[in-house]
Amino acid sequence: MQIFFEKKGISLVIKLHGELDHHSSDYIREKIDAEIMSSNPKNIIFDMGGLSFMDSSGIGVIIGRYKLISSTGGKAAIVNLKPQIKRIYEICGLKKIIPNFNTTKIAIEKL
C-alpha cells in the first residue's frame, strides 16, 4: 500500500494506491493523521484511482478521517472511484456522508 499527499489550496489530496485492508489500515491511518496535523488542511479529498481493494478496515480509516476533519469544520470528498470500490462505497453507506466526484478539480470547487 502506498500513500501520497498533495496540498491544493485549503485541501489535502490523499492518493491511495494498492489495497486498503486490515494489513495496511493502521499504517495508512497514522500517515494521514500525521499529514493532517502538519499541513492543517480545511478539507480532505481521498483520490481512490489507484486503490484496487478495500475492506471494512479501510472503510473505518475513511470514516475516521472524515470525523477528524469534520470536527474542525472541514469537509471530505472522494474522487476517482473504480467500479469495485464504488460498489463498496455505496453498499456500506459512505455515499450518504462523503460525496463522490469524478475529478479532484470538481471536488475542490464543490467543497
PDB file of N, CA and C in Angstrom:
ATOM      1  N   MET A   1       0.844  -1.182   0.000  1.00  0.00           N
ATOM      2  CA  MET A   1       0.000   0.000   0.000  1.00  0.00           C
ATOM      3  C   MET A   1       0.881   1.235   0.000  1.00  0.00           C
ATOM      4  N   GLN A   2       0.590   2.148  -0.899  1.00  0.00           N
ATOM      5  CA  GLN A   2       1.315   3.413  -0.971  1.00  0.00           C
ATOM      6  C   GLN A   2       0.333   4.560  -0.772  1.00  0.00           C
ATOM      7  N   ILE A   3       0.873   5.645  -0.225  1.00  0.00           N
ATOM      8  CA  ILE A   3       0.063   6.837   0.008  1.00  0.00           C
ATOM      9  C   ILE A   3       0.885   8.058  -0.370  1.00  0.00           C
ATOM     10  N   PHE A   4       0.228   8.997  -1.051  1.00  0.00           N
ATOM     11  CA  PHE A   4       0.876  10.240  -1.470  1.00  0.00           C
ATOM     12  C   PHE A   4      -0.036  11.397  -1.085  1.00  0.00           C
ATOM     13  N   PHE A   5       0.571  12.518  -0.750  1.00  0.00           N
ATOM     14  CA  PHE A   5      -0.182  13.705  -0.351  1.00  0.00           C
ATOM     15  C   PHE A   5       0.141  14.852  -1.281  1.00  0.00           C
ATOM     16  N   GLU A   6      -0.866  15.669  -1.544  1.00  0.00           N
ATOM     17  CA  GLU A   6      -0.678  16.873  -2.347  1.00  0.00           C
ATOM     18  C   GLU A   6      -1.598  17.952  -1.798  1.00  0.00           C
ATOM     19  N   LYS A   7      -1.017  19.071  -1.428  1.00  0.00           N
ATOM     20  CA  LYS A   7      -1.800  20.195  -0.901  1.00  0.00           C
ATOM     21  C   LYS A   7      -2.262  21.039  -2.082  1.00  0.00           C
ATOM     22  N   LYS A   8      -3.551  21.283  -2.153  1.00  0.00           N
ATOM     23  CA  LYS A   8      -4.134  22.123  -3.212  1.00  0.00           C
ATOM     24  C   LYS A   8      -4.976  23.183  -2.528  1.00  0.00           C
ATOM     25  N   GLY A   9      -4.385  24.348  -2.328  1.00  0.00           N
ATOM     26  CA  GLY A   9      -5.082  25.418  -1.624  1.00  0.00           C
ATOM     27  C   GLY A   9      -5.354  25.009  -0.192  1.00  0.00           C
ATOM     28  N   ILE A  10      -6.633  25.020   0.193  1.00  0.00           N
ATOM     29  CA  ILE A  10      -7.012  24.650   1.563  1.00  0.00           C
ATOM     30  C   ILE A  10      -7.346  23.164   1.692  1.00  0.00           C
ATOM     31  N   SER A  11      -7.163  22.416   0.606  1.00  0.00           N
ATOM     32  CA  SER A  11      -7.491  20.991   0.605  1.00  0.00           C
ATOM     33  C   SER A  11      -6.244  20.122   0.553  1.00  0.00           C
ATOM     34  N   LEU A  12      -6.315  18.995   1.218  1.00  0.00           N
ATOM     35  CA  LEU A  12      -5.261  17.988   1.173  1.00  0.00           C
ATOM     36  C   LEU A  12      -5.782  16.810   0.362  1.00  0.00           C
ATOM     37  N   VAL A  13      -5.103  16.509  -0.742  1.00  0.00           N
ATOM     38  CA  VAL A  13      -5.467  15.365  -1.570  1.00  0.00           C
ATOM     39  C   VAL A  13      -4.659  14.166  -1.091  1.00  0.00           C
ATOM     40  N   ILE A  14      -5.362  13.090  -0.766  1.00  0.00           N
ATOM     41  CA  ILE A  14      -4.755  11.869  -0.247  1.00  0.00           C
ATOM     42  C   ILE A  14      -4.906  10.807  -1.321  1.00  0.00           C
ATOM     43  N   LYS A  15      -3.793  10.463  -1.980  1.00  0.00           N
ATOM     44  CA  LYS A  15      -3.823   9.490  -3.071  1.00  0.00           C
ATOM     45  C   LYS A  15      -3.441   8.112  -2.534  1.00  0.00           C
ATOM     46  N   LEU A  16      -4.353   7.170  -2.713  1.00  0.00           N
ATOM     47  CA  LEU A  16      -4.156   5.822  -2.205  1.00  0.00           C
ATOM     48  C   LEU A  16      -3.903   4.855  -3.361  1.00  0.00           C
ATOM     49  N   HIS A  17      -2.868   4.005  -3.207  1.00  0.00           N
ATOM     50  CA  HIS A  17      -2.515   3.017  -4.235  1.00  0.00           C
ATOM     51  C   HIS A  17      -2.310   1.663  -3.579  1.00  0.00           C
ATOM     52  N   GLY A  18      -3.007   0.663  -4.102  1.00  0.00           N
ATOM     53  CA  GLY A  18      -2.857  -0.681  -3.568  1.00  0.00           C
ATOM     54  C   GLY A  18      -4.122  -1.154  -2.886  1.00  0.00           C
ATOM     55  N   GLU A  19      -3.944  -1.906  -1.793  1.00  0.00           N
ATOM     56  CA  GLU A  19      -5.068  -2.482  -1.065  1.00  0.00           C
ATOM     57  C   GLU A  19      -5.172  -1.864   0.323  1.00  0.00           C
ATOM     58  N   LEU A  20      -6.317  -1.263   0.585  1.00  0.00           N
ATOM     59  CA  LEU A  20      -6.580  -0.672   1.898  1.00  0.00           C
ATOM     60  C   LEU A  20      -7.384  -1.687   2.706  1.00  0.00           C
ATOM     61  N   ASP A  21      -6.652  -2.486   3.486  1.00  0.00           N
ATOM     62  CA  ASP A  21      -7.280  -3.567   4.237  1.00  0.00           C
ATOM     63  C   ASP A  21      -6.716  -3.629   5.653  1.00  0.00           C
ATOM     64  N   HIS A  22      -7.046  -4.690   6.379  1.00  0.00           N
ATOM     65  CA  HIS A  22      -6.608  -4.789   7.775  1.00  0.00           C
ATOM     66  C   HIS A  22      -5.086  -4.848   7.919  1.00  0.00           C
ATOM     67  N   HIS A  23      -4.380  -5.228   6.861  1.00  0.00           N
ATOM     68  CA  HIS A  23      -2.915  -5.268   6.916  1.00  0.00           C
ATOM     69  C   HIS A  23      -2.304  -3.867   6.850  1.00  0.00           C
ATOM     70  N   SER A  24      -2.944  -2.969   6.116  1.00  0.00           N
ATOM     71  CA  SER A  24      -2.362  -1.646   5.892  1.00  0.00           C
ATOM     72  C   SER A  24      -3.088  -0.511   6.613  1.00  0.00           C
ATOM     73  N   SER A  25      -4.247  -0.777   7.204  1.00  0.00           N
ATOM     74  CA  SER A  25      -5.073   0.310   7.730  1.00  0.00           C
ATOM     75  C   SER A  25      -4.412   1.113   8.855  1.00  0.00           C
ATOM     76  N   ASP A  26      -3.713   0.457   9.775  1.00  0.00           N
ATOM     77  CA  ASP A  26      -3.057   1.197  10.861  1.00  0.00           C
ATOM     78  C   ASP A  26      -1.979   2.134  10.316  1.00  0.00           C
ATOM     79  N   TYR A  27      -1.188   1.636   9.388  1.00  0.00           N
ATOM     80  CA  TYR A  27      -0.124   2.435   8.767  1.00  0.00           C
ATOM     81  C   TYR A  27      -0.723   3.649   8.047  1.00  0.00           C
ATOM     82  N   ILE A  28      -1.758   3.421   7.249  1.00  0.00           N
ATOM     83  CA  ILE A  28      -2.381   4.495   6.487  1.00  0.00           C
ATOM     84  C   ILE A  28      -3.026   5.515   7.418  1.00  0.00           C
ATOM     85  N   ARG A  29      -3.690   5.042   8.441  1.00  0.00           N
ATOM     86  CA  ARG A  29      -4.324   5.938   9.427  1.00  0.00           C
ATOM     87  C   ARG A  29      -3.278   6.855  10.064  1.00  0.00           C
ATOM     88  N   GLU A  30      -2.167   6.278  10.483  1.00  0.00           N
ATOM     89  CA  GLU A  30      -1.105   7.072  11.113  1.00  0.00           C
ATOM     90  C   GLU A  30      -0.515   8.091  10.152  1.00  0.00           C
ATOM     91  N   LYS A  31      -0.289   7.689   8.898  1.00  0.00           N
ATOM     92  CA  LYS A  31       0.289   8.608   7.899  1.00  0.00           C
ATOM     93  C   LYS A  31      -0.656   9.780   7.615  1.00  0.00           C
ATOM     94  N   ILE A  32      -1.938   9.467   7.445  1.00  0.00           N
ATOM     95  CA  ILE A  32      -2.911  10.528   7.157  1.00  0.00           C
ATOM     96  C   ILE A  32      -3.041  11.478   8.343  1.00  0.00           C
ATOM     97  N   ASP A  33      -3.153  10.930   9.546  1.00  0.00           N
ATOM     98  CA  ASP A  33      -3.278  11.784  10.729  1.00  0.00           C
ATOM     99  C   ASP A  33      -2.066  12.696  10.906  1.00  0.00           C
ATOM    100  N   ALA A  34      -0.881  12.156  10.682  1.00  0.00           N
ATOM    101  CA  ALA A  34       0.338  12.965  10.804  1.00  0.00           C
ATOM    102  C   ALA A  34       0.342  14.086   9.763  1.00  0.00           C
ATOM    103  N   GLU A  35      -0.079  13.784   8.546  1.00  0.00           N
ATOM    104  CA  GLU A  35      -0.104  14.801   7.485  1.00  0.00           C
ATOM    105  C   GLU A  35      -1.158  15.865   7.771  1.00  0.00           C
ATOM    106  N   ILE A  36      -2.304  15.457   8.288  1.00  0.00           N
ATOM    107  CA  ILE A  36      -3.347  16.426   8.639  1.00  0.00           C
ATOM    108  C   ILE A  36      -2.844  17.352   9.744  1.00  0.00           C
ATOM    109  N   MET A  37      -2.166  16.795  10.728  1.00  0.00           N
ATOM    110  CA  MET A  37      -1.644  17.618  11.825  1.00  0.00           C
ATOM    111  C   MET A  37      -0.563  18.582  11.342  1.00  0.00           C
ATOM    112  N   SER A  38       0.280  18.146  10.413  1.00  0.00           N
ATOM    113  CA  SER A  38       1.378  19.013   9.973  1.00  0.00           C
ATOM    114  C   SER A  38       0.941  20.047   8.924  1.00  0.00           C
ATOM    115  N   SER A  39       0.020  19.684   8.029  1.00  0.00           N
ATOM    116  CA  SER A  39      -0.357  20.625   6.965  1.00  0.00           C
ATOM    117  C   SER A  39      -1.639  21.404   7.273  1.00  0.00           C
ATOM    118  N   ASN A  40      -2.401  20.946   8.284  1.00  0.00           N
ATOM    119  CA  ASN A  40      -3.586  21.654   8.762  1.00  0.00           C
ATOM    120  C   ASN A  40      -4.549  22.080   7.637  1.00  0.00           C
ATOM    121  N   PRO A  41      -5.020  21.130   6.824  1.00  0.00           N
ATOM    122  CA  PRO A  41      -5.947  21.496   5.748  1.00  0.00           C
ATOM    123  C   PRO A  41      -7.351  21.742   6.277  1.00  0.00           C
ATOM    124  N   LYS A  42      -8.138  22.507   5.531  1.00  0.00           N
ATOM    125  CA  LYS A  42      -9.545  22.679   5.885  1.00  0.00           C
ATOM    126  C   LYS A  42     -10.331  21.451   5.426  1.00  0.00           C
ATOM    127  N   ASN A  43     -10.045  20.975   4.210  1.00  0.00           N
ATOM    128  CA  ASN A  43     -10.773  19.859   3.611  1.00  0.00           C
ATOM    129  C   ASN A  43      -9.807  18.745   3.214  1.00  0.00           C
ATOM    130  N   ILE A  44     -10.346  17.524   3.096  1.00  0.00           N
ATOM    131  CA  ILE A  44      -9.543  16.419   2.586  1.00  0.00           C
ATOM    132  C   ILE A  44     -10.285  15.757   1.425  1.00  0.00           C
ATOM    133  N   ILE A  45      -9.501  15.298   0.451  1.00  0.00           N
ATOM    134  CA  ILE A  45     -10.048  14.613  -0.710  1.00  0.00           C
ATOM    135  C   ILE A  45      -9.300  13.294  -0.863  1.00  0.00           C
ATOM    136  N   PHE A  46     -10.036  12.192  -0.808  1.00  0.00           N
ATOM    137  CA  PHE A  46      -9.451  10.877  -0.999  1.00  0.00           C
ATOM    138  C   PHE A  46      -9.487  10.543  -2.481  1.00  0.00           C
ATOM    139  N   ASP A  47      -8.319  10.442  -3.108  1.00  0.00           N
ATOM    140  CA  ASP A  47      -8.216  10.027  -4.512  1.00  0.00           C
ATOM    141  C   ASP A  47      -8.016   8.516  -4.521  1.00  0.00           C
ATOM    142  N   MET A  48      -9.043   7.796  -4.922  1.00  0.00           N
ATOM    143  CA  MET A  48      -9.021   6.335  -4.867  1.00  0.00           C
ATOM    144  C   MET A  48      -8.746   5.694  -6.224  1.00  0.00           C
ATOM    145  N   GLY A  49      -8.229   6.472  -7.163  1.00  0.00           N
ATOM    146  CA  GLY A  49      -7.961   5.953  -8.504  1.00  0.00           C
ATOM    147  C   GLY A  49      -6.970   4.803  -8.531  1.00  0.00           C
ATOM    148  N   GLY A  50      -6.066   4.744  -7.567  1.00  0.00           N
ATOM    149  CA  GLY A  50      -5.070   3.680  -7.520  1.00  0.00           C
ATOM    150  C   GLY A  50      -5.416   2.559  -6.555  1.00  0.00           C
ATOM    151  N   LEU A  51      -6.593   2.629  -5.959  1.00  0.00           N
ATOM    152  CA  LEU A  51      -6.997   1.623  -4.977  1.00  0.00           C
ATOM    153  C   LEU A  51      -7.599   0.413  -5.694  1.00  0.00           C
ATOM    154  N   SER A  52      -7.076  -0.769  -5.406  1.00  0.00           N
ATOM    155  CA  SER A  52      -7.570  -1.984  -6.054  1.00  0.00           C
ATOM    156  C   SER A  52      -8.481  -2.808  -5.149  1.00  0.00           C
ATOM    157  N   PHE A  53      -8.441  -2.562  -3.833  1.00  0.00           N
ATOM    158  CA  PHE A  53      -9.251  -3.326  -2.886  1.00  0.00           C
ATOM    159  C   PHE A  53      -9.420  -2.524  -1.605  1.00  0.00           C
ATOM    160  N   MET A  54     -10.603  -2.654  -0.988  1.00  0.00           N
ATOM    161  CA  MET A  54     -10.836  -2.026   0.305  1.00  0.00           C
ATOM    162  C   MET A  54     -11.809  -2.899   1.092  1.00  0.00           C
ATOM    163  N   ASP A  55     -11.466  -3.175   2.354  1.00  0.00           N
ATOM    164  CA  ASP A  55     -12.361  -3.939   3.216  1.00  0.00           C
ATOM    165  C   ASP A  55     -12.895  -3.030   4.328  1.00  0.00           C
ATOM    166  N   SER A  56     -13.525  -3.616   5.327  1.00  0.00           N
ATOM    167  CA  SER A  56     -14.133  -2.829   6.398  1.00  0.00           C
ATOM    168  C   SER A  56     -13.110  -2.004   7.184  1.00  0.00           C
ATOM    169  N   SER A  57     -11.886  -2.491   7.282  1.00  0.00           N
ATOM    170  CA  SER A  57     -10.831  -1.712   7.952  1.00  0.00           C
ATOM    171  C   SER A  57     -10.551  -0.425   7.183  1.00  0.00           C
ATOM    172  N   GLY A  58     -10.543  -0.523   5.860  1.00  0.00           N
ATOM    173  CA  GLY A  58     -10.346   0.652   5.012  1.00  0.00           C
ATOM    174  C   GLY A  58     -11.484   1.642   5.148  1.00  0.00           C
ATOM    175  N   ILE A  59     -12.696   1.118   5.223  1.00  0.00           N
ATOM    176  CA  ILE A  59     -13.866   1.981   5.425  1.00  0.00           C
ATOM    177  C   ILE A  59     -13.720   2.723   6.752  1.00  0.00           C
ATOM    178  N   GLY A  60     -13.240   2.030   7.768  1.00  0.00           N
ATOM    179  CA  GLY A  60     -13.016   2.650   9.073  1.00  0.00           C
ATOM    180  C   GLY A  60     -12.001   3.779   9.011  1.00  0.00           C
ATOM    181  N   VAL A  61     -10.945   3.593   8.217  1.00  0.00           N
ATOM    182  CA  VAL A  61      -9.944   4.652   8.044  1.00  0.00           C
ATOM    183  C   VAL A  61     -10.593   5.883   7.421  1.00  0.00           C
ATOM    184  N   ILE A  62     -11.370   5.694   6.371  1.00  0.00           N
ATOM    185  CA  ILE A  62     -12.017   6.805   5.671  1.00  0.00           C
ATOM    186  C   ILE A  62     -12.991   7.529   6.613  1.00  0.00           C
ATOM    187  N   ILE A  63     -13.838   6.786   7.303  1.00  0.00           N
ATOM    188  CA  ILE A  63     -14.814   7.398   8.210  1.00  0.00           C
ATOM    189  C   ILE A  63     -14.123   8.138   9.361  1.00  0.00           C
ATOM    190  N   GLY A  64     -13.070   7.546   9.892  1.00  0.00           N
ATOM    191  CA  GLY A  64     -12.333   8.196  10.979  1.00  0.00           C
ATOM    192  C   GLY A  64     -11.719   9.515  10.567  1.00  0.00           C
ATOM    193  N   ARG A  65     -11.150   9.565   9.352  1.00  0.00           N
ATOM    194  CA  ARG A  65     -10.548  10.820   8.880  1.00  0.00           C
ATOM    195  C   ARG A  65     -11.644  11.835   8.562  1.00  0.00           C
ATOM    196  N   TYR A  66     -12.787  11.358   8.070  1.00  0.00           N
ATOM    197  CA  TYR A  66     -13.937  12.241   7.841  1.00  0.00           C
ATOM    198  C   TYR A  66     -14.361  12.900   9.159  1.00  0.00           C
ATOM    199  N   LYS A  67     -14.466  12.103  10.219  1.00  0.00           N
ATOM    200  CA  LYS A  67     -14.852  12.639  11.527  1.00  0.00           C
ATOM    201  C   LYS A  67     -13.813  13.624  12.049  1.00  0.00           C
ATOM    202  N   LEU A  68     -12.544  13.311  11.842  1.00  0.00           N
ATOM    203  CA  LEU A  68     -11.464  14.186  12.289  1.00  0.00           C
ATOM    204  C   LEU A  68     -11.544  15.553  11.612  1.00  0.00           C
ATOM    205  N   ILE A  69     -11.694  15.562  10.292  1.00  0.00           N
ATOM    206  CA  ILE A  69     -11.715  16.828   9.558  1.00  0.00           C
ATOM    207  C   ILE A  69     -13.035  17.569   9.810  1.00  0.00           C
ATOM    208  N   SER A  70     -14.127  16.837  10.001  1.00  0.00           N
ATOM    209  CA  SER A  70     -15.423  17.469  10.294  1.00  0.00           C
ATOM    210  C   SER A  70     -15.416  18.159  11.647  1.00  0.00           C
ATOM    211  N   SER A  71     -14.657  17.609  12.585  1.00  0.00           N
ATOM    212  CA  SER A  71     -14.612  18.187  13.932  1.00  0.00           C
ATOM    213  C   SER A  71     -13.992  19.580  13.941  1.00  0.00           C
ATOM    214  N   THR A  72     -13.260  19.923  12.888  1.00  0.00           N
ATOM    215  CA  THR A  72     -12.655  21.255  12.788  1.00  0.00           C
ATOM    216  C   THR A  72     -13.385  22.132  11.769  1.00  0.00           C
ATOM    217  N   GLY A  73     -14.573  21.679  11.342  1.00  0.00           N
ATOM    218  CA  GLY A  73     -15.370  22.465  10.400  1.00  0.00           C
ATOM    219  C   GLY A  73     -15.060  22.199   8.943  1.00  0.00           C
ATOM    220  N   GLY A  74     -14.226  21.208   8.665  1.00  0.00           N
ATOM    221  CA  GLY A  74     -13.858  20.890   7.289  1.00  0.00           C
ATOM    222  C   GLY A  74     -14.795  19.878   6.659  1.00  0.00           C
ATOM    223  N   LYS A  75     -14.525  19.598   5.393  1.00  0.00           N
ATOM    224  CA  LYS A  75     -15.334  18.646   4.638  1.00  0.00           C
ATOM    225  C   LYS A  75     -14.412  17.613   3.987  1.00  0.00           C
ATOM    226  N   ALA A  76     -15.018  16.485   3.605  1.00  0.00           N
ATOM    227  CA  ALA A  76     -14.280  15.423   2.928  1.00  0.00           C
ATOM    228  C   ALA A  76     -14.988  15.063   1.630  1.00  0.00           C
ATOM    229  N   ALA A  77     -14.216  14.549   0.687  1.00  0.00           N
ATOM    230  CA  ALA A  77     -14.761  14.085  -0.587  1.00  0.00           C
ATOM    231  C   ALA A  77     -13.942  12.897  -1.057  1.00  0.00           C
ATOM    232  N   ILE A  78     -14.529  12.139  -1.973  1.00  0.00           N
ATOM    233  CA  ILE A  78     -13.847  11.003  -2.590  1.00  0.00           C
ATOM    234  C   ILE A  78     -13.891  11.206  -4.093  1.00  0.00           C
ATOM    235  N   VAL A  79     -12.779  10.910  -4.766  1.00  0.00           N
ATOM    236  CA  VAL A  79     -12.721  11.021  -6.227  1.00  0.00           C
ATOM    237  C   VAL A  79     -12.118   9.759  -6.836  1.00  0.00           C
ATOM    238  N   ASN A  80     -12.372   9.592  -8.122  1.00  0.00           N
ATOM    239  CA  ASN A  80     -11.773   8.533  -8.946  1.00  0.00           C
ATOM    240  C   ASN A  80     -12.069   7.123  -8.435  1.00  0.00           C
ATOM    241  N   LEU A  81     -13.327   6.847  -8.164  1.00  0.00           N
ATOM    242  CA  LEU A  81     -13.698   5.512  -7.693  1.00  0.00           C
ATOM    243  C   LEU A  81     -13.750   4.518  -8.851  1.00  0.00           C
ATOM    244  N   LYS A  82     -13.032   3.409  -8.712  1.00  0.00           N
ATOM    245  CA  LYS A  82     -13.138   2.307  -9.665  1.00  0.00           C
ATOM    246  C   LYS A  82     -14.439   1.564  -9.361  1.00  0.00           C
ATOM    247  N   PRO A  83     -14.988   0.840 -10.335  1.00  0.00           N
ATOM    248  CA  PRO A  83     -16.280   0.162 -10.120  1.00  0.00           C
ATOM    249  C   PRO A  83     -16.329  -0.734  -8.878  1.00  0.00           C
ATOM    250  N   GLN A  84     -15.286  -1.524  -8.629  1.00  0.00           N
ATOM    251  CA  GLN A  84     -15.322  -2.434  -7.478  1.00  0.00           C
ATOM    252  C   GLN A  84     -15.270  -1.666  -6.151  1.00  0.00           C
ATOM    253  N   ILE A  85     -14.580  -0.546  -6.114  1.00  0.00           N
ATOM    254  CA  ILE A  85     -14.513   0.273  -4.896  1.00  0.00           C
ATOM    255  C   ILE A  85     -15.803   1.084  -4.754  1.00  0.00           C
ATOM    256  N   LYS A  86     -16.354   1.543  -5.870  1.00  0.00           N
ATOM    257  CA  LYS A  86     -17.606   2.303  -5.830  1.00  0.00           C
ATOM    258  C   LYS A  86     -18.733   1.446  -5.260  1.00  0.00           C
ATOM    259  N   ARG A  87     -18.725   0.182  -5.574  1.00  0.00           N
ATOM    260  CA  ARG A  87     -19.747  -0.728  -5.061  1.00  0.00           C
ATOM    261  C   ARG A  87     -19.679  -0.788  -3.532  1.00  0.00           C
ATOM    262  N   ILE A  88     -18.485  -0.912  -2.982  1.00  0.00           N
ATOM    263  CA  ILE A  88     -18.296  -0.934  -1.528  1.00  0.00           C
ATOM    264  C   ILE A  88     -18.733   0.406  -0.927  1.00  0.00           C
ATOM    265  N   TYR A  89     -18.326   1.502  -1.579  1.00  0.00           N
ATOM    266  CA  TYR A  89     -18.686   2.861  -1.161  1.00  0.00           C
ATOM    267  C   TYR A  89     -20.206   3.010  -1.039  1.00  0.00           C
ATOM    268  N   GLU A  90     -20.931   2.447  -1.992  1.00  0.00           N
ATOM    269  CA  GLU A  90     -22.390   2.565  -1.979  1.00  0.00           C
ATOM    270  C   GLU A  90     -23.037   1.614  -0.968  1.00  0.00           C
ATOM    271  N   ILE A  91     -22.578   0.367  -0.924  1.00  0.00           N
ATOM    272  CA  ILE A  91     -23.183  -0.640  -0.047  1.00  0.00           C
ATOM    273  C   ILE A  91     -23.038  -0.273   1.428  1.00  0.00           C
ATOM    274  N   CYS A  92     -21.859   0.207   1.818  1.00  0.00           N
ATOM    275  CA  CYS A  92     -21.622   0.483   3.243  1.00  0.00           C
ATOM    276  C   CYS A  92     -22.217   1.815   3.702  1.00  0.00           C
ATOM    277  N   GLY A  93     -22.730   2.607   2.786  1.00  0.00           N
ATOM    278  CA  GLY A  93     -23.373   3.860   3.163  1.00  0.00           C
ATOM    279  C   GLY A  93     -22.466   5.073   3.196  1.00  0.00           C
ATOM    280  N   LEU A  94     -21.217   4.915   2.748  1.00  0.00           N
ATOM    281  CA  LEU A  94     -20.315   6.071   2.715  1.00  0.00           C
ATOM    282  C   LEU A  94     -20.872   7.192   1.846  1.00  0.00           C
ATOM    283  N   LYS A  95     -21.610   6.828   0.794  1.00  0.00           N
ATOM    284  CA  LYS A  95     -22.119   7.856  -0.121  1.00  0.00           C
ATOM    285  C   LYS A  95     -23.101   8.808   0.558  1.00  0.00           C
ATOM    286  N   LYS A  96     -23.654   8.389   1.702  1.00  0.00           N
ATOM    287  CA  LYS A  96     -24.585   9.248   2.433  1.00  0.00           C
ATOM    288  C   LYS A  96     -23.863  10.339   3.222  1.00  0.00           C
ATOM    289  N   ILE A  97     -22.574  10.132   3.517  1.00  0.00           N
ATOM    290  CA  ILE A  97     -21.860  11.118   4.337  1.00  0.00           C
ATOM    291  C   ILE A  97     -20.684  11.790   3.627  1.00  0.00           C
ATOM    292  N   ILE A  98     -20.077  11.106   2.654  1.00  0.00           N
ATOM    293  CA  ILE A  98     -18.937  11.677   1.935  1.00  0.00           C
ATOM    294  C   ILE A  98     -19.261  11.675   0.444  1.00  0.00           C
ATOM    295  N   PRO A  99     -19.360  12.867  -0.167  1.00  0.00           N
ATOM    296  CA  PRO A  99     -19.700  12.919  -1.588  1.00  0.00           C
ATOM    297  C   PRO A  99     -18.574  12.399  -2.480  1.00  0.00           C
ATOM    298  N   ASN A 100     -18.978  11.889  -3.639  1.00  0.00           N
ATOM    299  CA  ASN A 100     -18.056  11.374  -4.642  1.00  0.00           C
ATOM    300  C   ASN A 100     -18.086  12.290  -5.861  1.00  0.00           C
ATOM    301  N   PHE A 101     -16.923  12.639  -6.362  1.00  0.00           N
ATOM    302  CA  PHE A 101     -16.813  13.458  -7.560  1.00  0.00           C
ATOM    303  C   PHE A 101     -15.910  12.757  -8.568  1.00  0.00           C
ATOM    304  N   ASN A 102     -16.066  13.102  -9.841  1.00  0.00           N
ATOM    305  CA  ASN A 102     -15.263  12.459 -10.886  1.00  0.00           C
ATOM    306  C   ASN A 102     -13.803  12.883 -10.862  1.00  0.00           C
ATOM    307  N   THR A 103     -13.542  14.135 -10.523  1.00  0.00           N
ATOM    308  CA  THR A 103     -12.167  14.638 -10.548  1.00  0.00           C
ATOM    309  C   THR A 103     -11.862  15.448  -9.283  1.00  0.00           C
ATOM    310  N   THR A 104     -10.576  15.585  -9.022  1.00  0.00           N
ATOM    311  CA  THR A 104     -10.117  16.392  -7.889  1.00  0.00           C
ATOM    312  C   THR A 104     -10.529  17.847  -8.088  1.00  0.00           C
ATOM    313  N   LYS A 105     -10.416  18.341  -9.298  1.00  0.00           N
ATOM    314  CA  LYS A 105     -10.764  19.738  -9.592  1.00  0.00           C
ATOM    315  C   LYS A 105     -12.214  20.033  -9.226  1.00  0.00           C
ATOM    316  N   ILE A 106     -13.124  19.138  -9.611  1.00  0.00           N
ATOM    317  CA  ILE A 106     -14.540  19.325  -9.282  1.00  0.00           C
ATOM    318  C   ILE A 106     -14.754  19.258  -7.778  1.00  0.00           C
ATOM    319  N   ALA A 107     -14.093  18.321  -7.112  1.00  0.00           N
ATOM    320  CA  ALA A 107     -14.228  18.177  -5.654  1.00  0.00           C
ATOM    321  C   ALA A 107     -13.797  19.462  -4.964  1.00  0.00           C
ATOM    322  N   ILE A 108     -12.678  20.032  -5.385  1.00  0.00           N
ATOM    323  CA  ILE A 108     -12.176  21.272  -4.764  1.00  0.00           C
ATOM    324  C   ILE A 108     -13.193  22.394  -4.960  1.00  0.00           C
ATOM    325  N   GLU A 109     -13.765  22.495  -6.151  1.00  0.00           N
ATOM    326  CA  GLU A 109     -14.762  23.534  -6.431  1.00  0.00           C
ATOM    327  C   GLU A 109     -16.019  23.359  -5.572  1.00  0.00           C
ATOM    328  N   LYS A 110     -16.463  22.117  -5.381  1.00  0.00           N
ATOM    329  CA  LYS A 110     -17.705  21.849  -4.638  1.00  0.00           C
ATOM    330  C   LYS A 110     -17.531  21.953  -3.124  1.00  0.00           C
ATOM    331  N   LEU A 111     -16.319  21.670  -2.627  1.00  0.00           N
ATOM    332  CA  LEU A 111     -16.100  21.760  -1.186  1.00  0.00           C
ATOM    333  C   LEU A 111     -15.957  23.211  -0.795  1.00  0.00           C
TER     334      LEU A 111
END
